[in-house]
Amino acid sequence: MALLAPVDFIVSKLRRGTEEDLSDAAWIAERFHVTASQVRAAAEAALSASFEDTALFLFERTLDRFCLALEPMAS
């Protein structure tokens, strides 16, 4: 049985992008002490492996908002 690493789970939730997904991602980040830089690194890897698509723009905006909100939680 394989499980996603917490940061990969967060990226998958951000790709979907619903309010429930963002809430789940924030909870996982807090629970497993995932930093904004870890999320950004995993997202960059996912983006580089993705086909060009207009939905990626929305993902990048969601990623930016999520990481900005995540940074104060690390303090």
PDB file of N, CA and C in Angstrom:
ATOM      1  N   MET A   1       0.842  -1.171   0.000  1.00  0.00           N
ATOM      2  CA  MET A   1       0.000   0.000   0.000  1.00  0.00           C
ATOM      3  C   MET A   1       0.892   1.241   0.000  1.00  0.00           C
ATOM      4  N   ALA A   2       0.669   2.133  -0.920  1.00  0.00           N
ATOM      5  CA  ALA A   2       1.469   3.349  -1.027  1.00  0.00           C
ATOM      6  C   ALA A   2       0.645   4.553  -0.563  1.00  0.00           C
ATOM      7  N   LEU A   3       1.302   5.460   0.129  1.00  0.00           N
ATOM      8  CA  LEU A   3       0.659   6.696   0.577  1.00  0.00           C
ATOM      9  C   LEU A   3       1.418   7.885   0.016  1.00  0.00           C
ATOM     10  N   LEU A   4       0.698   8.952  -0.244  1.00  0.00           N
ATOM     11  CA  LEU A   4       1.344  10.179  -0.693  1.00  0.00           C
ATOM     12  C   LEU A   4       2.077  10.835   0.466  1.00  0.00           C
ATOM     13  N   ALA A   5       3.198  11.432   0.170  1.00  0.00           N
ATOM     14  CA  ALA A   5       3.868  12.266   1.160  1.00  0.00           C
ATOM     15  C   ALA A   5       2.974  13.477   1.418  1.00  0.00           C
ATOM     16  N   PRO A   6       3.005  14.038   2.625  1.00  0.00           N
ATOM     17  CA  PRO A   6       2.129  15.184   2.916  1.00  0.00           C
ATOM     18  C   PRO A   6       2.244  16.325   1.905  1.00  0.00           C
ATOM     19  N   VAL A   7       3.448  16.640   1.464  1.00  0.00           N
ATOM     20  CA  VAL A   7       3.606  17.741   0.514  1.00  0.00           C
ATOM     21  C   VAL A   7       2.976  17.400  -0.839  1.00  0.00           C
ATOM     22  N   ASP A   8       3.032  16.151  -1.256  1.00  0.00           N
ATOM     23  CA  ASP A   8       2.396  15.740  -2.516  1.00  0.00           C
ATOM     24  C   ASP A   8       0.872  15.786  -2.394  1.00  0.00           C
ATOM     25  N   PHE A   9       0.360  15.422  -1.226  1.00  0.00           N
ATOM     26  CA  PHE A   9      -1.074  15.512  -0.966  1.00  0.00           C
ATOM     27  C   PHE A   9      -1.520  16.971  -1.061  1.00  0.00           C
ATOM     28  N   ILE A  10      -0.729  17.872  -0.481  1.00  0.00           N
ATOM     29  CA  ILE A  10      -1.052  19.296  -0.516  1.00  0.00           C
ATOM     30  C   ILE A  10      -1.092  19.796  -1.952  1.00  0.00           C
ATOM     31  N   VAL A  11      -0.095  19.440  -2.748  1.00  0.00           N
ATOM     32  CA  VAL A  11      -0.064  19.881  -4.148  1.00  0.00           C
ATOM     33  C   VAL A  11      -1.286  19.354  -4.900  1.00  0.00           C
ATOM     34  N   SER A  12      -1.662  18.122  -4.652  1.00  0.00           N
ATOM     35  CA  SER A  12      -2.845  17.582  -5.343  1.00  0.00           C
ATOM     36  C   SER A  12      -4.108  18.334  -4.934  1.00  0.00           C
ATOM     37  N   LYS A  13      -4.199  18.720  -3.684  1.00  0.00           N
ATOM     38  CA  LYS A  13      -5.350  19.499  -3.223  1.00  0.00           C
ATOM     39  C   LYS A  13      -5.350  20.890  -3.854  1.00  0.00           C
ATOM     40  N   LEU A  14      -4.171  21.485  -3.977  1.00  0.00           N
ATOM     41  CA  LEU A  14      -4.086  22.808  -4.597  1.00  0.00           C
ATOM     42  C   LEU A  14      -4.438  22.742  -6.080  1.00  0.00           C
ATOM     43  N   ARG A  15      -4.102  21.644  -6.733  1.00  0.00           N
ATOM     44  CA  ARG A  15      -4.451  21.495  -8.165  1.00  0.00           C
ATOM     45  C   ARG A  15      -5.967  21.496  -8.335  1.00  0.00           C
ATOM     46  N   ARG A  16      -6.663  20.842  -7.410  1.00  0.00           N
ATOM     47  CA  ARG A  16      -8.123  20.807  -7.495  1.00  0.00           C
ATOM     48  C   ARG A  16      -8.698  22.166  -7.117  1.00  0.00           C
ATOM     49  N   GLY A  17      -8.234  22.721  -5.988  1.00  0.00           N
ATOM     50  CA  GLY A  17      -8.489  24.112  -5.652  1.00  0.00           C
ATOM     51  C   GLY A  17      -9.821  24.521  -5.057  1.00  0.00           C
ATOM     52  N   THR A  18     -10.665  23.588  -4.611  1.00  0.00           N
ATOM     53  CA  THR A  18     -11.909  23.999  -3.961  1.00  0.00           C
ATOM     54  C   THR A  18     -11.596  24.510  -2.553  1.00  0.00           C
ATOM     55  N   GLU A  19     -12.542  25.204  -1.950  1.00  0.00           N
ATOM     56  CA  GLU A  19     -12.340  25.703  -0.581  1.00  0.00           C
ATOM     57  C   GLU A  19     -12.081  24.548   0.385  1.00  0.00           C
ATOM     58  N   GLU A  20     -12.794  23.444   0.211  1.00  0.00           N
ATOM     59  CA  GLU A  20     -12.582  22.269   1.060  1.00  0.00           C
ATOM     60  C   GLU A  20     -11.160  21.722   0.868  1.00  0.00           C
ATOM     61  N   ASP A  21     -10.703  21.687  -0.375  1.00  0.00           N
ATOM     62  CA  ASP A  21      -9.344  21.213  -0.647  1.00  0.00           C
ATOM     63  C   ASP A  21      -8.299  22.125  -0.005  1.00  0.00           C
ATOM     64  N   LEU A  22      -8.500  23.433  -0.085  1.00  0.00           N
ATOM     65  CA  LEU A  22      -7.553  24.367   0.516  1.00  0.00           C
ATOM     66  C   LEU A  22      -7.537  24.225   2.036  1.00  0.00           C
ATOM     67  N   SER A  23      -8.692  23.988   2.609  1.00  0.00           N
ATOM     68  CA  SER A  23      -8.775  23.759   4.053  1.00  0.00           C
ATOM     69  C   SER A  23      -8.041  22.466   4.434  1.00  0.00           C
ATOM     70  N   ASP A  24      -8.265  21.419   3.663  1.00  0.00           N
ATOM     71  CA  ASP A  24      -7.557  20.148   3.906  1.00  0.00           C
ATOM     72  C   ASP A  24      -6.052  20.338   3.791  1.00  0.00           C
ATOM     73  N   ALA A  25      -5.616  21.067   2.763  1.00  0.00           N
ATOM     74  CA  ALA A  25      -4.189  21.289   2.538  1.00  0.00           C
ATOM     75  C   ALA A  25      -3.571  22.069   3.696  1.00  0.00           C
ATOM     76  N   ALA A  26      -4.279  23.074   4.192  1.00  0.00           N
ATOM     77  CA  ALA A  26      -3.774  23.862   5.324  1.00  0.00           C
ATOM     78  C   ALA A  26      -3.657  22.989   6.567  1.00  0.00           C
ATOM     79  N   TRP A  27      -4.642  22.125   6.786  1.00  0.00           N
ATOM     80  CA  TRP A  27      -4.599  21.240   7.953  1.00  0.00           C
ATOM     81  C   TRP A  27      -3.410  20.288   7.864  1.00  0.00           C
ATOM     82  N   ILE A  28      -3.198  19.705   6.705  1.00  0.00           N
ATOM     83  CA  ILE A  28      -2.071  18.784   6.508  1.00  0.00           C
ATOM     84  C   ILE A  28      -0.738  19.523   6.707  1.00  0.00           C
ATOM     85  N   ALA A  29      -0.640  20.735   6.151  1.00  0.00           N
ATOM     86  CA  ALA A  29       0.595  21.512   6.298  1.00  0.00           C
ATOM     87  C   ALA A  29       0.896  21.781   7.769  1.00  0.00           C
ATOM     88  N   GLU A  30      -0.123  22.145   8.513  1.00  0.00           N
ATOM     89  CA  GLU A  30       0.080  22.414   9.936  1.00  0.00           C
ATOM     90  C   GLU A  30       0.407  21.129  10.699  1.00  0.00           C
ATOM     91  N   ARG A  31      -0.325  20.087  10.430  1.00  0.00           N
ATOM     92  CA  ARG A  31      -0.168  18.817  11.145  1.00  0.00           C
ATOM     93  C   ARG A  31       1.219  18.208  10.923  1.00  0.00           C
ATOM     94  N   PHE A  32       1.733  18.305   9.689  1.00  0.00           N
ATOM     95  CA  PHE A  32       3.008  17.674   9.343  1.00  0.00           C
ATOM     96  C   PHE A  32       4.154  18.683   9.197  1.00  0.00           C
ATOM     97  N   HIS A  33       3.913  19.934   9.612  1.00  0.00           N
ATOM     98  CA  HIS A  33       4.947  20.974   9.612  1.00  0.00           C
ATOM     99  C   HIS A  33       5.573  21.159   8.227  1.00  0.00           C
ATOM    100  N   VAL A  34       4.723  21.205   7.214  1.00  0.00           N
ATOM    101  CA  VAL A  34       5.175  21.417   5.836  1.00  0.00           C
ATOM    102  C   VAL A  34       5.311  22.925   5.613  1.00  0.00           C
ATOM    103  N   THR A  35       6.453  23.343   5.099  1.00  0.00           N
ATOM    104  CA  THR A  35       6.703  24.766   4.891  1.00  0.00           C
ATOM    105  C   THR A  35       6.278  25.201   3.488  1.00  0.00           C
ATOM    106  N   ALA A  36       6.144  26.514   3.347  1.00  0.00           N
ATOM    107  CA  ALA A  36       5.799  27.076   2.038  1.00  0.00           C
ATOM    108  C   ALA A  36       6.867  26.736   1.010  1.00  0.00           C
ATOM    109  N   SER A  37       8.128  26.748   1.407  1.00  0.00           N
ATOM    110  CA  SER A  37       9.196  26.434   0.443  1.00  0.00           C
ATOM    111  C   SER A  37       9.125  24.981  -0.011  1.00  0.00           C
ATOM    112  N   GLN A  38       8.722  24.069   0.868  1.00  0.00           N
ATOM    113  CA  GLN A  38       8.551  22.669   0.475  1.00  0.00           C
ATOM    114  C   GLN A  38       7.394  22.528  -0.512  1.00  0.00           C
ATOM    115  N   VAL A  39       6.312  23.242  -0.256  1.00  0.00           N
ATOM    116  CA  VAL A  39       5.155  23.194  -1.159  1.00  0.00           C
ATOM    117  C   VAL A  39       5.542  23.772  -2.518  1.00  0.00           C
ATOM    118  N   ARG A  40       6.239  24.896  -2.521  1.00  0.00           N
ATOM    119  CA  ARG A  40       6.658  25.510  -3.788  1.00  0.00           C
ATOM    120  C   ARG A  40       7.571  24.579  -4.588  1.00  0.00           C
ATOM    121  N   ALA A  41       8.513  23.925  -3.916  1.00  0.00           N
ATOM    122  CA  ALA A  41       9.429  23.007  -4.610  1.00  0.00           C
ATOM    123  C   ALA A  41       8.670  21.842  -5.230  1.00  0.00           C
ATOM    124  N   ALA A  42       7.736  21.266  -4.484  1.00  0.00           N
ATOM    125  CA  ALA A  42       6.949  20.148  -5.010  1.00  0.00           C
ATOM    126  C   ALA A  42       6.043  20.605  -6.148  1.00  0.00           C
ATOM    127  N   ALA A  43       5.494  21.810  -6.026  1.00  0.00           N
ATOM    128  CA  ALA A  43       4.632  22.336  -7.078  1.00  0.00           C
ATOM    129  C   ALA A  43       5.429  22.611  -8.350  1.00  0.00           C
ATOM    130  N   GLU A  44       6.640  23.138  -8.198  1.00  0.00           N
ATOM    131  CA  GLU A  44       7.484  23.388  -9.366  1.00  0.00           C
ATOM    132  C   GLU A  44       7.800  22.083 -10.096  1.00  0.00           C
ATOM    133  N   ALA A  45       8.058  21.019  -9.341  1.00  0.00           N
ATOM    134  CA  ALA A  45       8.316  19.713  -9.960  1.00  0.00           C
ATOM    135  C   ALA A  45       7.079  19.231 -10.711  1.00  0.00           C
ATOM    136  N   ALA A  46       5.903  19.416 -10.100  1.00  0.00           N
ATOM    137  CA  ALA A  46       4.655  19.000 -10.755  1.00  0.00           C
ATOM    138  C   ALA A  46       4.404  19.823 -12.010  1.00  0.00           C
ATOM    139  N   LEU A  47       4.658  21.127 -11.928  1.00  0.00           N
ATOM    140  CA  LEU A  47       4.452  21.992 -13.093  1.00  0.00           C
ATOM    141  C   LEU A  47       5.389  21.647 -14.243  1.00  0.00           C
ATOM    142  N   SER A  48       6.623  21.326 -13.927  1.00  0.00           N
ATOM    143  CA  SER A  48       7.577  21.007 -14.991  1.00  0.00           C
ATOM    144  C   SER A  48       7.228  19.702 -15.696  1.00  0.00           C
ATOM    145  N   ALA A  49       6.489  18.824 -15.019  1.00  0.00           N
ATOM    146  CA  ALA A  49       6.090  17.554 -15.617  1.00  0.00           C
ATOM    147  C   ALA A  49       4.717  17.632 -16.286  1.00  0.00           C
ATOM    148  N   SER A  50       4.062  18.797 -16.201  1.00  0.00           N
ATOM    149  CA  SER A  50       2.711  18.956 -16.739  1.00  0.00           C
ATOM    150  C   SER A  50       2.731  19.476 -18.167  1.00  0.00           C
ATOM    151  N   PHE A  51       1.713  19.103 -18.909  1.00  0.00           N
ATOM    152  CA  PHE A  51       1.519  19.667 -20.240  1.00  0.00           C
ATOM    153  C   PHE A  51       1.038  21.100 -20.089  1.00  0.00           C
ATOM    154  N   GLU A  52       1.363  21.943 -21.065  1.00  0.00           N
ATOM    155  CA  GLU A  52       0.889  23.323 -21.064  1.00  0.00           C
ATOM    156  C   GLU A  52      -0.637  23.326 -21.062  1.00  0.00           C
ATOM    157  N   ASP A  53      -1.197  24.117 -20.172  1.00  0.00           N
ATOM    158  CA  ASP A  53      -2.651  24.183 -20.043  1.00  0.00           C
ATOM    159  C   ASP A  53      -2.997  25.498 -19.366  1.00  0.00           C
ATOM    160  N   THR A  54      -4.117  26.087 -19.748  1.00  0.00           N
ATOM    161  CA  THR A  54      -4.525  27.342 -19.112  1.00  0.00           C
ATOM    162  C   THR A  54      -4.876  27.141 -17.642  1.00  0.00           C
ATOM    163  N   ALA A  55      -5.251  25.938 -17.236  1.00  0.00           N
ATOM    164  CA  ALA A  55      -5.577  25.662 -15.832  1.00  0.00           C
ATOM    165  C   ALA A  55      -4.353  25.809 -14.933  1.00  0.00           C
ATOM    166  N   LEU A  56      -3.162  25.691 -15.510  1.00  0.00           N
ATOM    167  CA  LEU A  56      -1.946  25.838 -14.713  1.00  0.00           C
ATOM    168  C   LEU A  56      -1.810  27.255 -14.166  1.00  0.00           C
ATOM    169  N   PHE A  57      -2.313  28.238 -14.894  1.00  0.00           N
ATOM    170  CA  PHE A  57      -2.296  29.611 -14.401  1.00  0.00           C
ATOM    171  C   PHE A  57      -3.085  29.713 -13.100  1.00  0.00           C
ATOM    172  N   LEU A  58      -4.259  29.104 -13.068  1.00  0.00           N
ATOM    173  CA  LEU A  58      -5.079  29.119 -11.850  1.00  0.00           C
ATOM    174  C   LEU A  58      -4.384  28.378 -10.715  1.00  0.00           C
ATOM    175  N   PHE A  59      -3.743  27.277 -11.040  1.00  0.00           N
ATOM    176  CA  PHE A  59      -2.997  26.530 -10.030  1.00  0.00           C
ATOM    177  C   PHE A  59      -1.880  27.393  -9.440  1.00  0.00           C
ATOM    178  N   GLU A  60      -1.166  28.108 -10.293  1.00  0.00           N
ATOM    179  CA  GLU A  60      -0.076  28.967  -9.808  1.00  0.00           C
ATOM    180  C   GLU A  60      -0.598  30.070  -8.907  1.00  0.00           C
ATOM    181  N   ARG A  61      -1.757  30.658  -9.228  1.00  0.00           N
ATOM    182  CA  ARG A  61      -2.348  31.689  -8.369  1.00  0.00           C
ATOM    183  C   ARG A  61      -2.784  31.080  -7.036  1.00  0.00           C
ATOM    184  N   THR A  62      -3.384  29.895  -7.085  1.00  0.00           N
ATOM    185  CA  THR A  62      -3.800  29.212  -5.859  1.00  0.00           C
ATOM    186  C   THR A  62      -2.584  28.882  -5.007  1.00  0.00           C
ATOM    187  N   LEU A  63      -1.520  28.415  -5.646  1.00  0.00           N
ATOM    188  CA  LEU A  63      -0.271  28.101  -4.958  1.00  0.00           C
ATOM    189  C   LEU A  63       0.278  29.340  -4.257  1.00  0.00           C
ATOM    190  N   ASP A  64       0.309  30.469  -4.961  1.00  0.00           N
ATOM    191  CA  ASP A  64       0.819  31.708  -4.377  1.00  0.00           C
ATOM    192  C   ASP A  64       0.008  32.117  -3.148  1.00  0.00           C
ATOM    193  N   ARG A  65      -1.315  32.099  -3.276  1.00  0.00           N
ATOM    194  CA  ARG A  65      -2.178  32.476  -2.143  1.00  0.00           C
ATOM    195  C   ARG A  65      -1.976  31.532  -0.968  1.00  0.00           C
ATOM    196  N   PHE A  66      -1.901  30.243  -1.246  1.00  0.00           N
ATOM    197  CA  PHE A  66      -1.736  29.248  -0.189  1.00  0.00           C
ATOM    198  C   PHE A  66      -0.403  29.450   0.535  1.00  0.00           C
ATOM    199  N   CYS A  67       0.660  29.634  -0.218  1.00  0.00           N
ATOM    200  CA  CYS A  67       1.991  29.798   0.395  1.00  0.00           C
ATOM    201  C   CYS A  67       2.082  31.087   1.195  1.00  0.00           C
ATOM    202  N   LEU A  68       1.458  32.154   0.715  1.00  0.00           N
ATOM    203  CA  LEU A  68       1.441  33.387   1.489  1.00  0.00           C
ATOM    204  C   LEU A  68       0.707  33.204   2.810  1.00  0.00           C
ATOM    205  N   ALA A  69      -0.372  32.453   2.790  1.00  0.00           N
ATOM    206  CA  ALA A  69      -1.124  32.185   4.025  1.00  0.00           C
ATOM    207  C   ALA A  69      -0.369  31.233   4.940  1.00  0.00           C
ATOM    208  N   LEU A  70       0.414  30.347   4.352  1.00  0.00           N
ATOM    209  CA  LEU A  70       1.145  29.334   5.117  1.00  0.00           C
ATOM    210  C   LEU A  70       2.338  29.943   5.848  1.00  0.00           C
ATOM    211  N   GLU A  71       2.983  30.937   5.264  1.00  0.00           N
ATOM    212  CA  GLU A  71       4.185  31.515   5.852  1.00  0.00           C
ATOM    213  C   GLU A  71       3.994  32.049   7.266  1.00  0.00           C
ATOM    214  N   PRO A  72       2.897  32.795   7.566  1.00  0.00           N
ATOM    215  CA  PRO A  72       2.727  33.257   8.940  1.00  0.00           C
ATOM    216  C   PRO A  72       2.520  32.123   9.947  1.00  0.00           C
ATOM    217  N   MET A  73       1.987  30.996   9.488  1.00  0.00           N
ATOM    218  CA  MET A  73       1.753  29.858  10.385  1.00  0.00           C
ATOM    219  C   MET A  73       3.083  29.260  10.832  1.00  0.00           C
ATOM    220  N   ALA A  74       4.140  29.447  10.061  1.00  0.00           N
ATOM    221  CA  ALA A  74       5.450  28.884  10.405  1.00  0.00           C
ATOM    222  C   ALA A  74       6.130  29.705  11.497  1.00  0.00           C
ATOM    223  N   SER A  75       5.690  30.938  11.710  1.00  0.00           N
ATOM    224  CA  SER A  75       6.331  31.800  12.714  1.00  0.00           C
ATOM    225  C   SER A  75       5.949  31.431  14.126  1.00  0.00           C
TER     226      SER A  75
END
